[in-house]
Amino acid sequence: MEYKDSKCNAYDTYASNAKLYPSLPPVAVPSAPEPTSDEGTAQSYRLQKINEIQKEIAAEKDKRANLSKKYHRGVRVIAGVDNALVVSSMVLGAAGIGVLSTIIAAPVAIAMEGAAIGIGLLSIIVKPIKSY
């Protein structure tokens, strides 16, 4: 079953004047409307707000950087204090044992051991602060 209509030769692919897609007349596409004065001021207002927000974000970023620097400095100081407390506790404990072995300076040894215990307790208290 062949279609041999002279008016419609779209099915005849070997015909020289066969057109698969018909040509359509050009359609006028409406362009975007020109901004009126109200839209222009609204756009400038939006741009102004965007600039304000960008400045605000930059200021907040600087503030956070300064706070972070101070926080890390404080953590380093607390870590140093903790290390000093641990070392002094060890030194006082060892020296107290050495002094106690002489028996002559027993009250001094007791004071040194008490100081070592106190410093050890301070070190235990500082550890959670350091990790916070």
Protein backbone atom coordinates (compact mmCIF):
# COMPACT_ATOMS: atom_id res chain seq x y z
CA MET A 1 0.00 0.00 0.00
CA GLU A 2 1.76 3.06 -1.25
CA TYR A 3 0.72 6.64 -1.02
CA LYS A 4 1.21 8.28 -4.34
CA ASP A 5 -0.52 11.51 -3.65
CA SER A 6 1.16 14.38 -5.44
CA LYS A 7 0.17 16.87 -2.78
CA CYS A 8 1.78 14.99 0.07
CA ASN A 9 5.09 13.38 -0.68
CA ALA A 10 6.45 13.34 2.86
CA TYR A 11 6.50 9.54 2.81
CA ASP A 12 8.55 9.41 -0.35
CA THR A 13 12.05 9.76 1.02
CA TYR A 14 13.66 9.58 -2.40
CA ALA A 15 11.79 12.54 -3.81
CA SER A 16 13.91 15.61 -4.29
CA ASN A 17 11.30 17.99 -3.01
CA ALA A 18 10.17 15.90 -0.03
CA LYS A 19 10.25 17.79 3.28
CA LEU A 20 10.08 15.99 6.56
CA TYR A 21 9.55 19.15 8.59
CA PRO A 22 7.41 21.84 7.08
CA SER A 23 8.69 25.37 7.30
CA LEU A 24 6.75 27.44 9.77
CA PRO A 25 6.38 31.16 9.65
CA PRO A 26 8.61 32.97 12.16
CA VAL A 27 6.94 33.67 15.46
CA ALA A 28 7.70 36.86 17.30
CA VAL A 29 8.85 36.03 20.82
CA PRO A 30 8.20 38.82 23.25
CA SER A 31 11.39 39.98 24.94
CA ALA A 32 11.72 40.76 28.60
CA PRO A 33 10.03 43.98 29.52
CA GLU A 34 12.25 46.98 30.00
CA PRO A 35 12.69 47.76 33.68
CA THR A 36 10.66 50.70 34.77
CA SER A 37 11.96 53.16 37.28
CA ASP A 38 10.38 51.17 40.13
CA GLU A 39 12.05 47.95 38.98
CA GLY A 40 15.38 49.74 38.57
CA THR A 41 15.26 51.05 42.12
CA ALA A 42 14.22 47.62 43.37
CA GLN A 43 17.19 46.07 41.62
CA SER A 44 19.58 48.65 43.03
CA TYR A 45 18.07 48.06 46.48
CA ARG A 46 18.70 44.32 46.12
CA LEU A 47 22.29 44.93 45.03
CA GLN A 48 22.79 47.29 47.96
CA LYS A 49 21.45 44.68 50.38
CA ILE A 50 23.71 42.02 48.84
CA ASN A 51 26.74 44.28 49.37
CA GLU A 52 25.72 44.94 52.98
CA ILE A 53 25.32 41.22 53.66
CA GLN A 54 28.71 40.48 52.08
CA LYS A 55 30.37 43.10 54.30
CA GLU A 56 28.59 41.69 57.34
CA ILE A 57 29.74 38.15 56.52
CA ALA A 58 33.33 39.35 56.00
CA ALA A 59 33.26 41.15 59.38
CA GLU A 60 31.88 38.04 61.07
CA LYS A 61 34.58 35.91 59.44
CA ASP A 62 37.30 38.22 60.78
CA LYS A 63 35.71 38.20 64.23
CA ARG A 64 35.56 34.39 64.26
CA ALA A 65 39.19 34.19 63.13
CA ASN A 66 40.26 36.43 66.02
CA LEU A 67 38.21 34.42 68.51
CA SER A 68 39.66 31.18 67.19
CA LYS A 69 43.18 32.57 67.53
CA LYS A 70 42.51 33.61 71.15
CA TYR A 71 40.91 30.25 71.95
CA HIS A 72 43.85 28.27 70.58
CA ARG A 73 46.27 30.53 72.44
CA GLY A 74 44.36 29.85 75.68
CA VAL A 75 44.39 26.11 75.03
CA ARG A 76 48.16 26.20 74.52
CA VAL A 77 48.62 28.13 77.79
CA ILE A 78 46.45 25.68 79.72
CA ALA A 79 48.32 22.74 78.18
CA GLY A 80 51.62 24.33 79.25
CA VAL A 81 50.32 24.86 82.79
CA ASP A 82 49.14 21.25 82.89
CA ASN A 83 52.53 19.99 81.75
CA ALA A 84 54.27 22.15 84.36
CA LEU A 85 51.96 20.82 87.08
CA VAL A 86 52.63 17.21 86.10
CA VAL A 87 56.40 17.71 86.03
CA SER A 88 56.47 19.59 89.35
CA SER A 89 54.29 16.93 90.96
CA MET A 90 56.69 14.22 89.82
CA VAL A 91 59.74 16.18 90.97
CA LEU A 92 58.24 17.00 94.37
CA GLY A 93 57.16 13.39 94.85
CA ALA A 94 60.58 12.02 94.01
CA ALA A 95 62.37 14.67 96.10
CA GLY A 96 60.01 14.03 99.01
CA ILE A 97 60.85 10.36 98.96
CA GLY A 98 64.57 11.22 98.87
CA VAL A 99 64.25 13.66 101.77
CA LEU A 100 62.10 11.23 103.75
CA SER A 101 64.82 8.59 103.48
CA THR A 102 67.18 10.81 105.50
CA ILE A 103 64.67 10.91 108.39
CA ILE A 104 66.25 14.16 109.61
CA ALA A 105 63.99 16.40 107.52
CA ALA A 106 60.75 14.44 107.90
CA PRO A 107 58.56 17.57 108.29
CA VAL A 108 60.04 18.98 105.07
CA ALA A 109 59.36 15.70 103.28
CA ILE A 110 55.75 15.69 104.49
CA ALA A 111 55.31 19.25 103.20
CA MET A 112 56.84 18.29 99.84
CA GLU A 113 54.57 15.26 99.51
CA GLY A 114 51.54 17.40 100.42
CA ALA A 115 52.54 19.91 97.75
CA ALA A 116 52.98 17.07 95.25
CA ILE A 117 49.49 15.77 96.05
CA GLY A 118 48.00 19.27 95.75
CA ILE A 119 49.71 19.90 92.42
CA GLY A 120 48.59 16.48 91.18
CA LEU A 121 44.99 17.36 92.07
CA LEU A 122 45.34 20.68 90.23
CA SER A 123 46.61 18.77 87.22
CA ILE A 124 43.55 16.51 87.36
CA ILE A 125 41.29 19.58 87.52
CA VAL A 126 43.05 21.27 84.57
CA LYS A 127 42.75 18.26 82.23
CA PRO A 128 38.97 18.62 81.56
CA ILE A 129 39.40 22.37 81.07
CA LYS A 130 42.14 21.70 78.52
CA SER A 131 39.99 19.25 76.57
CA TYR A 132 36.96 21.57 76.57
